[in-house]
Amino acid sequence: MQFIQQLVFGLLTFMMSVGVVWAGERGYQLVVGRDNKLCARMLEAFREDVDDRGRLRYQHEIFRQITWKPVELKGQGPKTRHCASFDKAMFDLNNDGQQDLVVKTTFCMKGSPSDSFYMFPADSAVLEQANWQDLSPLLATPDKFERTGGRYPLSALPMSSVSSKELPALSTMFTLQPFIMDEKTYVTLTDGRGEWMVIAKYLRGDQFEDACYLQIAGR
């Protein structure tokens, strides 16, 4: 029995290394995995967390460990939250042992929503200082992900797997979902095309440490 268990574990490890693990009907496969345990668990979570059309819902228990609350900014804001929302949560985003105030925003570009986030000390009064007519106190922090209309290159891809001269990248509209696993915080990142999913640790400024690259099969 022990031999069989070891054989099964070895087979799963091999499958991870060659990128044939799937998540849902869309068929995410692992392309780069710097943390095989993390990548395997997230692939399983994604497999369980797709709707009837194969789209990720982000309703798995992994994503529910962080409690987001709507932010009520001063001033006159939009009537709906679809293209202008602010949410806040307290958690250790950059894994330095200290709680952070994290503000997640969603704004639309050409009608499609795109996420950003901004990190502050837990006792920051930034949300009392900002208002709908002046968001500069929020936007001024250097610790943020704010790339709507821009790019997030998949720089950890091995050059042998890149068929063209330009590295693949997430671009234009972004979906961000922080989550906590084994007392460490990670962020999932994807874009409006949904071809790639990145799982990364946030460090500081605009820097991330990418752990997993997942790609829709057949791309």
N, C-alpha and C. Protein backbone atom coordinates (compact mmCIF):
# COMPACT_ATOMS: atom_id res chain seq x y z
N MET A 1 0.83 -1.20 0.00
CA MET A 1 0.00 0.00 0.00
C MET A 1 0.86 1.26 0.00
N GLN A 2 1.93 1.25 0.82
CA GLN A 2 2.81 2.42 0.87
C GLN A 2 3.46 2.67 -0.48
N PHE A 3 3.85 1.55 -1.15
CA PHE A 3 4.46 1.69 -2.48
C PHE A 3 3.48 2.33 -3.46
N ILE A 4 2.22 1.90 -3.41
CA ILE A 4 1.20 2.45 -4.31
C ILE A 4 1.00 3.94 -4.05
N GLN A 5 0.96 4.31 -2.75
CA GLN A 5 0.80 5.72 -2.41
C GLN A 5 1.96 6.55 -2.94
N GLN A 6 3.18 6.00 -2.79
CA GLN A 6 4.36 6.72 -3.30
C GLN A 6 4.30 6.84 -4.82
N LEU A 7 3.82 5.76 -5.48
CA LEU A 7 3.72 5.78 -6.93
C LEU A 7 2.73 6.83 -7.40
N VAL A 8 1.56 6.89 -6.72
CA VAL A 8 0.55 7.87 -7.08
C VAL A 8 1.07 9.28 -6.86
N PHE A 9 1.75 9.51 -5.72
CA PHE A 9 2.31 10.83 -5.43
C PHE A 9 3.33 11.22 -6.49
N GLY A 10 4.18 10.24 -6.87
CA GLY A 10 5.18 10.53 -7.89
C GLY A 10 4.56 10.86 -9.23
N LEU A 11 3.47 10.15 -9.58
CA LEU A 11 2.77 10.43 -10.83
C LEU A 11 2.17 11.82 -10.83
N LEU A 12 1.55 12.21 -9.70
CA LEU A 12 0.97 13.54 -9.60
C LEU A 12 2.04 14.61 -9.72
N THR A 13 3.19 14.38 -9.08
CA THR A 13 4.29 15.34 -9.15
C THR A 13 4.77 15.48 -10.59
N PHE A 14 4.87 14.33 -11.29
CA PHE A 14 5.28 14.38 -12.70
C PHE A 14 4.28 15.15 -13.54
N MET A 15 2.99 14.90 -13.29
CA MET A 15 1.97 15.61 -14.05
C MET A 15 2.07 17.10 -13.82
N MET A 16 2.36 17.51 -12.57
CA MET A 16 2.53 18.93 -12.29
C MET A 16 3.68 19.49 -13.10
N SER A 17 4.79 18.74 -13.18
CA SER A 17 5.98 19.26 -13.83
C SER A 17 5.80 19.45 -15.32
N VAL A 18 4.95 18.63 -15.95
CA VAL A 18 4.76 18.77 -17.39
C VAL A 18 3.51 19.55 -17.74
N GLY A 19 2.77 19.99 -16.73
CA GLY A 19 1.66 20.90 -16.98
C GLY A 19 0.43 20.26 -17.56
N VAL A 20 -0.09 19.21 -16.93
CA VAL A 20 -1.30 18.58 -17.44
C VAL A 20 -2.36 18.48 -16.36
N VAL A 21 -2.35 19.40 -15.43
CA VAL A 21 -3.37 19.43 -14.39
C VAL A 21 -4.44 20.43 -14.81
N TRP A 22 -5.72 20.08 -14.62
CA TRP A 22 -6.81 20.86 -15.18
C TRP A 22 -7.68 21.46 -14.10
N ALA A 23 -8.39 22.51 -14.44
CA ALA A 23 -9.33 23.15 -13.52
C ALA A 23 -10.58 23.51 -14.29
N GLY A 24 -11.66 22.77 -14.05
CA GLY A 24 -12.93 23.10 -14.67
C GLY A 24 -12.97 22.77 -16.15
N GLU A 25 -14.13 23.05 -16.77
CA GLU A 25 -14.31 22.74 -18.18
C GLU A 25 -13.40 23.57 -19.07
N ARG A 26 -12.94 24.71 -18.56
CA ARG A 26 -12.10 25.57 -19.39
C ARG A 26 -10.73 24.95 -19.59
N GLY A 27 -10.31 24.04 -18.73
CA GLY A 27 -9.04 23.36 -18.91
C GLY A 27 -7.83 24.22 -18.63
N TYR A 28 -7.73 24.80 -17.42
CA TYR A 28 -6.49 25.47 -17.04
C TYR A 28 -5.41 24.41 -16.90
N GLN A 29 -4.23 24.70 -17.41
CA GLN A 29 -3.09 23.82 -17.20
C GLN A 29 -1.95 24.63 -16.61
N LEU A 30 -1.14 23.95 -15.82
CA LEU A 30 -0.01 24.59 -15.18
C LEU A 30 1.15 24.69 -16.16
N VAL A 31 1.63 25.91 -16.38
CA VAL A 31 2.75 26.14 -17.28
C VAL A 31 4.03 26.36 -16.48
N VAL A 32 3.95 27.15 -15.43
CA VAL A 32 5.08 27.38 -14.53
C VAL A 32 4.59 27.21 -13.11
N GLY A 33 5.30 26.39 -12.31
CA GLY A 33 4.94 26.20 -10.91
C GLY A 33 6.16 26.24 -10.03
N ARG A 34 6.39 27.35 -9.38
CA ARG A 34 7.52 27.46 -8.45
C ARG A 34 7.18 26.89 -7.08
N ASP A 35 5.90 26.68 -6.83
CA ASP A 35 5.43 26.08 -5.58
C ASP A 35 4.36 25.06 -5.97
N ASN A 36 4.77 23.82 -6.21
CA ASN A 36 3.84 22.82 -6.75
C ASN A 36 2.66 22.56 -5.83
N LYS A 37 2.88 22.59 -4.52
CA LYS A 37 1.78 22.35 -3.58
C LYS A 37 0.73 23.44 -3.71
N LEU A 38 1.17 24.69 -3.73
CA LEU A 38 0.26 25.82 -3.88
C LEU A 38 -0.49 25.73 -5.21
N CYS A 39 0.23 25.49 -6.29
CA CYS A 39 -0.39 25.47 -7.62
C CYS A 39 -1.42 24.36 -7.72
N ALA A 40 -1.10 23.18 -7.16
CA ALA A 40 -2.04 22.06 -7.23
C ALA A 40 -3.31 22.36 -6.45
N ARG A 41 -3.16 22.97 -5.28
CA ARG A 41 -4.34 23.29 -4.46
C ARG A 41 -5.20 24.34 -5.13
N MET A 42 -4.58 25.31 -5.79
CA MET A 42 -5.36 26.33 -6.46
C MET A 42 -6.06 25.79 -7.71
N LEU A 43 -5.41 24.90 -8.43
CA LEU A 43 -6.06 24.27 -9.56
C LEU A 43 -7.30 23.50 -9.12
N GLU A 44 -7.19 22.81 -8.00
CA GLU A 44 -8.34 22.09 -7.47
C GLU A 44 -9.45 23.05 -7.05
N ALA A 45 -9.06 24.16 -6.40
CA ALA A 45 -10.06 25.16 -6.00
C ALA A 45 -10.75 25.75 -7.22
N PHE A 46 -10.00 26.07 -8.27
CA PHE A 46 -10.60 26.61 -9.48
C PHE A 46 -11.54 25.59 -10.13
N ARG A 47 -11.16 24.32 -10.10
CA ARG A 47 -12.01 23.28 -10.69
C ARG A 47 -13.38 23.24 -10.01
N GLU A 48 -13.39 23.50 -8.69
CA GLU A 48 -14.63 23.46 -7.92
C GLU A 48 -15.41 24.78 -7.99
N ASP A 49 -14.81 25.81 -8.57
CA ASP A 49 -15.36 27.16 -8.42
C ASP A 49 -15.72 27.79 -9.76
N VAL A 50 -16.15 26.97 -10.72
CA VAL A 50 -16.56 27.51 -12.01
C VAL A 50 -18.07 27.40 -12.16
N ASP A 51 -18.65 28.34 -12.91
CA ASP A 51 -20.09 28.28 -13.16
C ASP A 51 -20.38 27.39 -14.37
N ASP A 52 -21.63 27.37 -14.80
CA ASP A 52 -22.03 26.49 -15.91
C ASP A 52 -21.35 26.85 -17.23
N ARG A 53 -20.86 28.08 -17.31
CA ARG A 53 -20.19 28.52 -18.54
C ARG A 53 -18.67 28.43 -18.43
N GLY A 54 -18.20 27.81 -17.33
CA GLY A 54 -16.77 27.64 -17.16
C GLY A 54 -16.04 28.85 -16.64
N ARG A 55 -16.76 29.85 -16.14
CA ARG A 55 -16.14 31.07 -15.64
C ARG A 55 -15.90 30.96 -14.14
N LEU A 56 -14.78 31.46 -13.68
CA LEU A 56 -14.48 31.44 -12.25
C LEU A 56 -15.41 32.38 -11.50
N ARG A 57 -15.90 31.91 -10.34
CA ARG A 57 -16.82 32.71 -9.53
C ARG A 57 -16.12 33.39 -8.36
N TYR A 58 -14.96 32.89 -7.95
CA TYR A 58 -14.24 33.38 -6.78
C TYR A 58 -15.10 33.28 -5.52
N GLN A 59 -15.84 32.18 -5.41
CA GLN A 59 -16.67 31.94 -4.23
C GLN A 59 -16.17 30.77 -3.40
N HIS A 60 -15.06 30.18 -3.78
CA HIS A 60 -14.48 29.08 -3.00
C HIS A 60 -14.10 29.59 -1.62
N GLU A 61 -14.08 28.68 -0.64
CA GLU A 61 -13.77 29.08 0.74
C GLU A 61 -12.41 29.75 0.85
N ILE A 62 -11.49 29.43 -0.04
CA ILE A 62 -10.18 30.07 -0.02
C ILE A 62 -10.31 31.58 -0.16
N PHE A 63 -11.25 32.03 -0.99
CA PHE A 63 -11.41 33.47 -1.22
C PHE A 63 -12.30 34.13 -0.17
N ARG A 64 -12.96 33.34 0.67
CA ARG A 64 -13.86 33.91 1.67
C ARG A 64 -13.17 34.19 3.00
N GLN A 65 -11.89 33.87 3.11
CA GLN A 65 -11.17 34.12 4.36
C GLN A 65 -10.90 35.61 4.59
N ILE A 66 -10.89 36.37 3.51
CA ILE A 66 -10.72 37.82 3.62
C ILE A 66 -12.09 38.47 3.52
N THR A 67 -12.43 39.28 4.52
CA THR A 67 -13.74 39.93 4.56
C THR A 67 -13.64 41.35 4.01
N TRP A 68 -14.28 41.58 2.89
CA TRP A 68 -14.29 42.90 2.26
C TRP A 68 -15.55 43.65 2.66
N LYS A 69 -15.38 44.93 2.95
CA LYS A 69 -16.51 45.79 3.31
C LYS A 69 -16.56 47.00 2.38
N PRO A 70 -17.75 47.40 1.94
CA PRO A 70 -17.85 48.57 1.06
C PRO A 70 -17.35 49.83 1.76
N VAL A 71 -16.70 50.69 1.00
CA VAL A 71 -16.22 51.98 1.52
C VAL A 71 -17.21 53.06 1.09
N GLU A 72 -17.64 53.86 2.04
CA GLU A 72 -18.52 54.98 1.74
C GLU A 72 -17.68 56.26 1.72
N LEU A 73 -17.30 56.69 0.54
CA LEU A 73 -16.51 57.91 0.42
C LEU A 73 -17.41 59.14 0.52
N LYS A 74 -16.82 60.22 0.98
CA LYS A 74 -17.53 61.49 1.03
C LYS A 74 -17.71 62.03 -0.39
N GLY A 75 -18.69 62.89 -0.56
CA GLY A 75 -18.92 63.51 -1.86
C GLY A 75 -19.93 62.75 -2.69
N GLN A 76 -20.17 63.27 -3.88
CA GLN A 76 -21.16 62.70 -4.79
C GLN A 76 -20.52 61.66 -5.69
N GLY A 77 -20.88 60.40 -5.49
CA GLY A 77 -20.33 59.32 -6.30
C GLY A 77 -21.33 58.78 -7.29
N PRO A 78 -20.93 57.82 -8.12
CA PRO A 78 -21.84 57.20 -9.10
C PRO A 78 -23.01 56.51 -8.40
N LYS A 79 -24.10 56.35 -9.11
CA LYS A 79 -25.28 55.74 -8.52
C LYS A 79 -25.16 54.22 -8.41
N THR A 80 -24.33 53.60 -9.23
CA THR A 80 -24.16 52.14 -9.18
C THR A 80 -22.71 51.80 -8.89
N ARG A 81 -22.49 50.59 -8.34
CA ARG A 81 -21.15 50.15 -7.98
C ARG A 81 -20.45 49.38 -9.10
N HIS A 82 -21.17 49.04 -10.16
CA HIS A 82 -20.59 48.17 -11.17
C HIS A 82 -19.29 48.72 -11.74
N CYS A 83 -19.27 50.01 -12.01
CA CYS A 83 -18.09 50.62 -12.62
C CYS A 83 -17.39 51.62 -11.70
N ALA A 84 -17.73 51.61 -10.43
CA ALA A 84 -17.07 52.52 -9.49
C ALA A 84 -17.31 52.01 -8.08
N SER A 85 -16.47 51.10 -7.63
CA SER A 85 -16.65 50.55 -6.29
C SER A 85 -15.34 50.60 -5.51
N PHE A 86 -15.48 50.78 -4.21
CA PHE A 86 -14.36 50.76 -3.28
C PHE A 86 -14.70 49.77 -2.17
N ASP A 87 -13.78 48.87 -1.88
CA ASP A 87 -13.95 47.93 -0.78
C ASP A 87 -12.66 47.91 0.03
N LYS A 88 -12.79 47.61 1.32
CA LYS A 88 -11.62 47.59 2.19
C LYS A 88 -11.58 46.30 2.99
N ALA A 89 -10.37 45.93 3.42
CA ALA A 89 -10.19 44.76 4.27
C ALA A 89 -8.89 44.92 5.04
N MET A 90 -8.80 44.24 6.16
CA MET A 90 -7.59 44.22 6.98
C MET A 90 -6.96 42.84 6.90
N PHE A 91 -5.76 42.76 6.38
CA PHE A 91 -5.00 41.51 6.37
C PHE A 91 -3.55 41.84 6.02
N ASP A 92 -2.68 40.87 6.19
CA ASP A 92 -1.25 41.07 5.93
C ASP A 92 -0.97 40.81 4.46
N LEU A 93 -1.12 41.83 3.64
CA LEU A 93 -1.02 41.65 2.19
C LEU A 93 0.39 41.26 1.76
N ASN A 94 1.41 41.89 2.34
CA ASN A 94 2.78 41.66 1.88
C ASN A 94 3.56 40.70 2.77
N ASN A 95 2.86 39.98 3.66
CA ASN A 95 3.47 38.91 4.46
C ASN A 95 4.67 39.38 5.28
N ASP A 96 4.55 40.57 5.87
CA ASP A 96 5.63 41.07 6.73
C ASP A 96 5.29 40.95 8.21
N GLY A 97 4.19 40.28 8.53
CA GLY A 97 3.80 40.09 9.93
C GLY A 97 2.94 41.19 10.49
N GLN A 98 2.62 42.22 9.68
CA GLN A 98 1.81 43.34 10.14
C GLN A 98 0.51 43.42 9.33
N GLN A 99 -0.58 43.74 10.02
CA GLN A 99 -1.85 43.93 9.33
C GLN A 99 -1.79 45.18 8.45
N ASP A 100 -2.41 45.12 7.31
CA ASP A 100 -2.47 46.24 6.38
C ASP A 100 -3.92 46.60 6.09
N LEU A 101 -4.15 47.88 5.85
CA LEU A 101 -5.43 48.32 5.29
C LEU A 101 -5.30 48.23 3.78
N VAL A 102 -6.12 47.38 3.18
CA VAL A 102 -6.08 47.18 1.73
C VAL A 102 -7.38 47.70 1.14
N VAL A 103 -7.27 48.59 0.18
CA VAL A 103 -8.43 49.15 -0.51
C VAL A 103 -8.43 48.63 -1.93
N LYS A 104 -9.50 47.97 -2.30
CA LYS A 104 -9.64 47.43 -3.66
C LYS A 104 -10.66 48.26 -4.41
N THR A 105 -10.30 48.71 -5.59
CA THR A 105 -11.21 49.54 -6.39
C THR A 105 -11.54 48.83 -7.70
N THR A 106 -12.71 49.13 -8.23
CA THR A 106 -13.11 48.63 -9.54
C THR A 106 -13.67 49.79 -10.35
N PHE A 107 -13.04 50.08 -11.47
CA PHE A 107 -13.53 51.10 -12.40
C PHE A 107 -13.59 50.49 -13.79
N CYS A 108 -14.40 51.07 -14.64
CA CYS A 108 -14.59 50.52 -15.98
C CYS A 108 -13.74 51.25 -17.02
N MET A 109 -13.25 50.46 -17.96
CA MET A 109 -12.56 50.99 -19.13
C MET A 109 -13.30 50.46 -20.35
N LYS A 110 -13.90 51.35 -21.11
CA LYS A 110 -14.72 50.97 -22.26
C LYS A 110 -15.83 50.00 -21.86
N GLY A 111 -16.39 50.22 -20.69
CA GLY A 111 -17.52 49.42 -20.23
C GLY A 111 -17.17 48.15 -19.50
N SER A 112 -15.88 47.79 -19.44
CA SER A 112 -15.47 46.56 -18.77
C SER A 112 -14.77 46.89 -17.45
N PRO A 113 -15.14 46.20 -16.35
CA PRO A 113 -14.54 46.51 -15.05
C PRO A 113 -13.09 46.06 -14.95
N SER A 114 -12.31 46.83 -14.21
CA SER A 114 -10.90 46.51 -13.98
C SER A 114 -10.54 46.86 -12.54
N ASP A 115 -9.82 45.95 -11.88
CA ASP A 115 -9.49 46.11 -10.46
C ASP A 115 -8.12 46.74 -10.25
N SER A 116 -7.99 47.44 -9.13
CA SER A 116 -6.71 47.92 -8.61
C SER A 116 -6.74 47.72 -7.11
N PHE A 117 -5.56 47.75 -6.46
CA PHE A 117 -5.57 47.79 -4.99
C PHE A 117 -4.49 48.72 -4.48
N TYR A 118 -4.70 49.19 -3.25
CA TYR A 118 -3.82 50.17 -2.61
C TYR A 118 -3.61 49.73 -1.17
N MET A 119 -2.36 49.74 -0.70
CA MET A 119 -2.04 49.24 0.63
C MET A 119 -1.56 50.38 1.54
N PHE A 120 -2.04 50.36 2.80
CA PHE A 120 -1.71 51.38 3.79
C PHE A 120 -1.48 50.72 5.15
N PRO A 121 -0.83 51.43 6.08
CA PRO A 121 -0.76 50.93 7.45
C PRO A 121 -2.17 50.74 8.02
N ALA A 122 -2.29 49.81 8.95
CA ALA A 122 -3.61 49.47 9.48
C ALA A 122 -4.33 50.66 10.09
N ASP A 123 -3.57 51.61 10.66
CA ASP A 123 -4.19 52.76 11.33
C ASP A 123 -4.32 53.98 10.42
N SER A 124 -4.14 53.81 9.12
CA SER A 124 -4.20 54.94 8.19
C SER A 124 -5.60 55.57 8.17
N ALA A 125 -5.63 56.89 8.04
CA ALA A 125 -6.88 57.63 7.92
C ALA A 125 -7.18 58.02 6.48
N VAL A 126 -6.58 57.31 5.53
CA VAL A 126 -6.68 57.71 4.13
C VAL A 126 -8.12 57.74 3.63
N LEU A 127 -8.97 56.86 4.13
CA LEU A 127 -10.35 56.82 3.65
C LEU A 127 -11.17 57.98 4.19
N GLU A 128 -10.73 58.58 5.29
CA GLU A 128 -11.39 59.78 5.79
C GLU A 128 -10.89 61.01 5.03
N GLN A 129 -9.68 60.93 4.50
CA GLN A 129 -9.09 62.07 3.79
C GLN A 129 -9.55 62.14 2.33
N ALA A 130 -9.82 60.99 1.73
CA ALA A 130 -10.21 60.95 0.31
C ALA A 130 -11.70 61.18 0.15
N ASN A 131 -12.10 61.66 -1.01
CA ASN A 131 -13.52 61.78 -1.35
C ASN A 131 -13.67 61.59 -2.85
N TRP A 132 -14.91 61.52 -3.32
CA TRP A 132 -15.14 61.24 -4.74
C TRP A 132 -14.55 62.30 -5.65
N GLN A 133 -14.46 63.54 -5.16
CA GLN A 133 -13.92 64.62 -5.98
C GLN A 133 -12.40 64.72 -5.88
N ASP A 134 -11.80 64.06 -4.89
CA ASP A 134 -10.34 64.12 -4.71
C ASP A 134 -9.86 62.79 -4.15
N LEU A 135 -9.40 61.93 -5.03
CA LEU A 135 -8.89 60.61 -4.64
C LEU A 135 -7.38 60.60 -4.44
N SER A 136 -6.75 61.76 -4.50
CA SER A 136 -5.29 61.82 -4.45
C SER A 136 -4.70 61.19 -3.18
N PRO A 137 -5.32 61.32 -1.99
CA PRO A 137 -4.73 60.65 -0.82
C PRO A 137 -4.64 59.14 -1.00
N LEU A 138 -5.61 58.56 -1.68
CA LEU A 138 -5.61 57.12 -1.93
C LEU A 138 -4.58 56.76 -2.99
N LEU A 139 -4.56 57.51 -4.07
CA LEU A 139 -3.70 57.18 -5.21
C LEU A 139 -2.23 57.44 -4.95
N ALA A 140 -1.92 58.23 -3.92
CA ALA A 140 -0.54 58.66 -3.68
C ALA A 140 0.36 57.55 -3.14
N THR A 141 -0.22 56.49 -2.57
CA THR A 141 0.63 55.46 -1.99
C THR A 141 1.48 54.78 -3.07
N PRO A 142 2.75 54.48 -2.76
CA PRO A 142 3.57 53.74 -3.72
C PRO A 142 3.27 52.25 -3.72
N ASP A 143 2.57 51.78 -2.68
CA ASP A 143 2.30 50.35 -2.54
C ASP A 143 0.93 50.04 -3.12
N LYS A 144 0.93 49.64 -4.40
CA LYS A 144 -0.35 49.48 -5.08
C LYS A 144 -0.17 48.64 -6.35
N PHE A 145 -1.29 48.11 -6.83
CA PHE A 145 -1.38 47.55 -8.17
C PHE A 145 -2.38 48.40 -8.92
N GLU A 146 -1.91 49.12 -9.92
CA GLU A 146 -2.73 50.10 -10.63
C GLU A 146 -2.30 50.10 -12.10
N ARG A 147 -2.83 49.14 -12.85
CA ARG A 147 -2.33 48.97 -14.22
C ARG A 147 -3.44 48.94 -15.27
N THR A 148 -4.62 49.41 -14.96
CA THR A 148 -5.69 49.43 -15.97
C THR A 148 -5.20 50.15 -17.22
N GLY A 149 -5.34 49.49 -18.35
CA GLY A 149 -4.82 50.03 -19.60
C GLY A 149 -3.38 49.67 -19.87
N GLY A 150 -2.71 49.04 -18.89
CA GLY A 150 -1.31 48.67 -19.02
C GLY A 150 -1.09 47.17 -19.15
N ARG A 151 0.11 46.73 -18.72
CA ARG A 151 0.50 45.33 -18.90
C ARG A 151 1.12 44.77 -17.63
N TYR A 152 1.00 43.45 -17.47
CA TYR A 152 1.69 42.70 -16.43
C TYR A 152 2.41 41.54 -17.13
N PRO A 153 3.69 41.72 -17.49
CA PRO A 153 4.42 40.67 -18.23
C PRO A 153 4.59 39.41 -17.39
N LEU A 154 4.50 38.26 -18.02
CA LEU A 154 4.73 36.99 -17.34
C LEU A 154 6.22 36.69 -17.40
N SER A 155 6.98 37.42 -16.59
CA SER A 155 8.44 37.44 -16.70
C SER A 155 9.11 36.17 -16.20
N ALA A 156 8.38 35.32 -15.47
CA ALA A 156 8.97 34.08 -14.97
C ALA A 156 8.86 32.92 -15.95
N LEU A 157 8.25 33.16 -17.12
CA LEU A 157 8.16 32.10 -18.13
C LEU A 157 9.56 31.76 -18.64
N PRO A 158 9.89 30.47 -18.73
CA PRO A 158 11.17 30.10 -19.33
C PRO A 158 11.18 30.48 -20.80
N MET A 159 12.32 30.96 -21.27
CA MET A 159 12.39 31.45 -22.65
C MET A 159 12.06 30.35 -23.66
N SER A 160 12.33 29.09 -23.31
CA SER A 160 12.05 27.99 -24.23
C SER A 160 10.57 27.82 -24.50
N SER A 161 9.72 28.34 -23.56
CA SER A 161 8.27 28.18 -23.74
C SER A 161 7.64 29.37 -24.44
N VAL A 162 8.43 30.38 -24.75
CA VAL A 162 7.92 31.58 -25.40
C VAL A 162 8.16 31.45 -26.90
N SER A 163 7.08 31.37 -27.66
CA SER A 163 7.21 31.13 -29.09
C SER A 163 7.50 32.40 -29.88
N SER A 164 7.21 33.55 -29.31
CA SER A 164 7.45 34.81 -30.01
C SER A 164 8.47 35.62 -29.22
N LYS A 165 8.90 36.72 -29.80
CA LYS A 165 9.91 37.54 -29.15
C LYS A 165 9.35 38.27 -27.93
N GLU A 166 8.06 38.55 -27.94
CA GLU A 166 7.45 39.31 -26.85
C GLU A 166 6.87 38.36 -25.81
N LEU A 167 7.20 38.60 -24.54
CA LEU A 167 6.65 37.79 -23.47
C LEU A 167 5.14 37.93 -23.41
N PRO A 168 4.41 36.85 -23.15
CA PRO A 168 2.98 36.98 -22.88
C PRO A 168 2.76 37.89 -21.68
N ALA A 169 1.62 38.53 -21.62
CA ALA A 169 1.34 39.46 -20.54
C ALA A 169 -0.16 39.55 -20.30
N LEU A 170 -0.53 39.81 -19.06
CA LEU A 170 -1.89 40.26 -18.77
C LEU A 170 -1.96 41.72 -19.19
N SER A 171 -3.12 42.16 -19.65
CA SER A 171 -3.17 43.54 -20.13
C SER A 171 -4.57 44.14 -20.04
N THR A 172 -4.59 45.45 -19.96
CA THR A 172 -5.76 46.33 -20.13
C THR A 172 -6.74 46.27 -18.96
N MET A 173 -7.53 45.20 -18.83
CA MET A 173 -8.49 45.06 -17.74
C MET A 173 -8.07 43.90 -16.84
N PHE A 174 -8.05 44.15 -15.53
CA PHE A 174 -7.52 43.16 -14.60
C PHE A 174 -8.56 42.75 -13.57
N THR A 175 -8.52 41.47 -13.19
CA THR A 175 -9.30 40.96 -12.07
C THR A 175 -8.32 40.47 -11.02
N LEU A 176 -8.44 41.00 -9.80
CA LEU A 176 -7.53 40.68 -8.70
C LEU A 176 -8.31 40.06 -7.56
N GLN A 177 -7.79 38.97 -6.99
CA GLN A 177 -8.43 38.35 -5.84
C GLN A 177 -7.36 37.89 -4.85
N PRO A 178 -7.10 38.66 -3.79
CA PRO A 178 -6.20 38.18 -2.74
C PRO A 178 -6.84 37.01 -1.99
N PHE A 179 -6.00 36.12 -1.48
CA PHE A 179 -6.48 35.02 -0.66
C PHE A 179 -5.37 34.60 0.29
N ILE A 180 -5.74 33.84 1.30
CA ILE A 180 -4.79 33.39 2.31
C ILE A 180 -4.76 31.87 2.31
N MET A 181 -3.55 31.32 2.27
CA MET A 181 -3.37 29.88 2.33
C MET A 181 -2.16 29.57 3.21
N ASP A 182 -2.34 28.71 4.19
CA ASP A 182 -1.26 28.34 5.11
C ASP A 182 -0.63 29.59 5.73
N GLU A 183 -1.48 30.53 6.12
CA GLU A 183 -1.08 31.76 6.81
C GLU A 183 -0.21 32.68 5.95
N LYS A 184 -0.25 32.49 4.65
CA LYS A 184 0.45 33.38 3.73
C LYS A 184 -0.56 33.96 2.74
N THR A 185 -0.34 35.21 2.36
CA THR A 185 -1.25 35.88 1.45
C THR A 185 -0.72 35.83 0.02
N TYR A 186 -1.61 35.53 -0.90
CA TYR A 186 -1.30 35.51 -2.33
C TYR A 186 -2.35 36.33 -3.06
N VAL A 187 -2.09 36.60 -4.32
CA VAL A 187 -3.05 37.32 -5.17
C VAL A 187 -3.19 36.56 -6.48
N THR A 188 -4.44 36.32 -6.90
CA THR A 188 -4.66 35.81 -8.26
C THR A 188 -4.88 37.01 -9.18
N LEU A 189 -4.27 36.96 -10.35
CA LEU A 189 -4.40 38.03 -11.33
C LEU A 189 -4.75 37.42 -12.68
N THR A 190 -5.72 37.99 -13.35
CA THR A 190 -6.02 37.64 -14.72
C THR A 190 -6.53 38.89 -15.43
N ASP A 191 -6.79 38.78 -16.72
CA ASP A 191 -7.26 39.96 -17.47
C ASP A 191 -8.56 39.63 -18.19
N GLY A 192 -9.02 40.56 -19.01
CA GLY A 192 -10.30 40.39 -19.66
C GLY A 192 -10.35 39.23 -20.63
N ARG A 193 -9.22 38.82 -21.15
CA ARG A 193 -9.19 37.68 -22.08
C ARG A 193 -9.30 36.36 -21.35
N GLY A 194 -8.76 36.30 -20.13
CA GLY A 194 -8.84 35.09 -19.32
C GLY A 194 -7.96 33.95 -19.78
N GLU A 195 -7.02 34.20 -20.68
CA GLU A 195 -6.16 33.12 -21.17
C GLU A 195 -5.17 32.67 -20.10
N TRP A 196 -4.64 33.63 -19.33
CA TRP A 196 -3.65 33.33 -18.31
C TRP A 196 -4.20 33.68 -16.93
N MET A 197 -3.79 32.89 -15.95
CA MET A 197 -4.05 33.18 -14.54
C MET A 197 -2.71 33.15 -13.81
N VAL A 198 -2.41 34.20 -13.07
CA VAL A 198 -1.17 34.29 -12.30
C VAL A 198 -1.51 34.20 -10.82
N ILE A 199 -0.73 33.43 -10.09
CA ILE A 199 -0.82 33.39 -8.63
C ILE A 199 0.52 33.89 -8.11
N ALA A 200 0.48 34.93 -7.30
CA ALA A 200 1.71 35.61 -6.90
C ALA A 200 1.63 36.11 -5.47
N LYS A 201 2.81 36.34 -4.88
CA LYS A 201 2.91 37.06 -3.62
C LYS A 201 3.17 38.53 -3.92
N TYR A 202 2.47 39.40 -3.19
CA TYR A 202 2.75 40.83 -3.33
C TYR A 202 3.90 41.18 -2.40
N LEU A 203 4.86 41.95 -2.89
CA LEU A 203 6.04 42.33 -2.11
C LEU A 203 5.93 43.77 -1.61
N ARG A 204 6.11 44.71 -2.51
CA ARG A 204 6.04 46.14 -2.16
C ARG A 204 5.99 46.94 -3.46
N GLY A 205 5.63 48.23 -3.34
CA GLY A 205 5.56 49.05 -4.54
C GLY A 205 4.65 48.40 -5.57
N ASP A 206 5.19 48.15 -6.77
CA ASP A 206 4.42 47.43 -7.78
C ASP A 206 5.05 46.07 -8.06
N GLN A 207 5.77 45.52 -7.05
CA GLN A 207 6.52 44.29 -7.24
C GLN A 207 5.76 43.07 -6.71
N PHE A 208 5.80 42.00 -7.50
CA PHE A 208 5.22 40.71 -7.13
C PHE A 208 6.26 39.62 -7.30
N GLU A 209 6.03 38.51 -6.61
CA GLU A 209 6.82 37.30 -6.81
C GLU A 209 5.88 36.23 -7.36
N ASP A 210 5.97 35.95 -8.64
CA ASP A 210 5.05 35.02 -9.28
C ASP A 210 5.35 33.59 -8.86
N ALA A 211 4.29 32.85 -8.50
CA ALA A 211 4.45 31.46 -8.06
C ALA A 211 3.89 30.46 -9.07
N CYS A 212 2.79 30.80 -9.74
CA CYS A 212 2.15 29.88 -10.68
C CYS A 212 1.64 30.65 -11.89
N TYR A 213 1.86 30.08 -13.06
CA TYR A 213 1.22 30.55 -14.29
C TYR A 213 0.32 29.44 -14.81
N LEU A 214 -0.96 29.72 -14.93
CA LEU A 214 -1.92 28.77 -15.48
C LEU A 214 -2.41 29.32 -16.81
N GLN A 215 -2.60 28.44 -17.77
CA GLN A 215 -3.05 28.86 -19.10
C GLN A 215 -4.21 27.98 -19.55
N ILE A 216 -5.15 28.58 -20.28
CA ILE A 216 -6.22 27.80 -20.87
C ILE A 216 -5.63 26.82 -21.88
N ALA A 217 -6.03 25.58 -21.81
CA ALA A 217 -5.47 24.55 -22.69
C ALA A 217 -5.73 24.87 -24.15
N GLY A 218 -4.77 24.53 -24.98
CA GLY A 218 -4.94 24.70 -26.41
C GLY A 218 -4.56 26.05 -26.94
N ARG A 219 -4.12 26.96 -26.04
CA ARG A 219 -3.73 28.29 -26.50
C ARG A 219 -2.25 28.29 -26.93
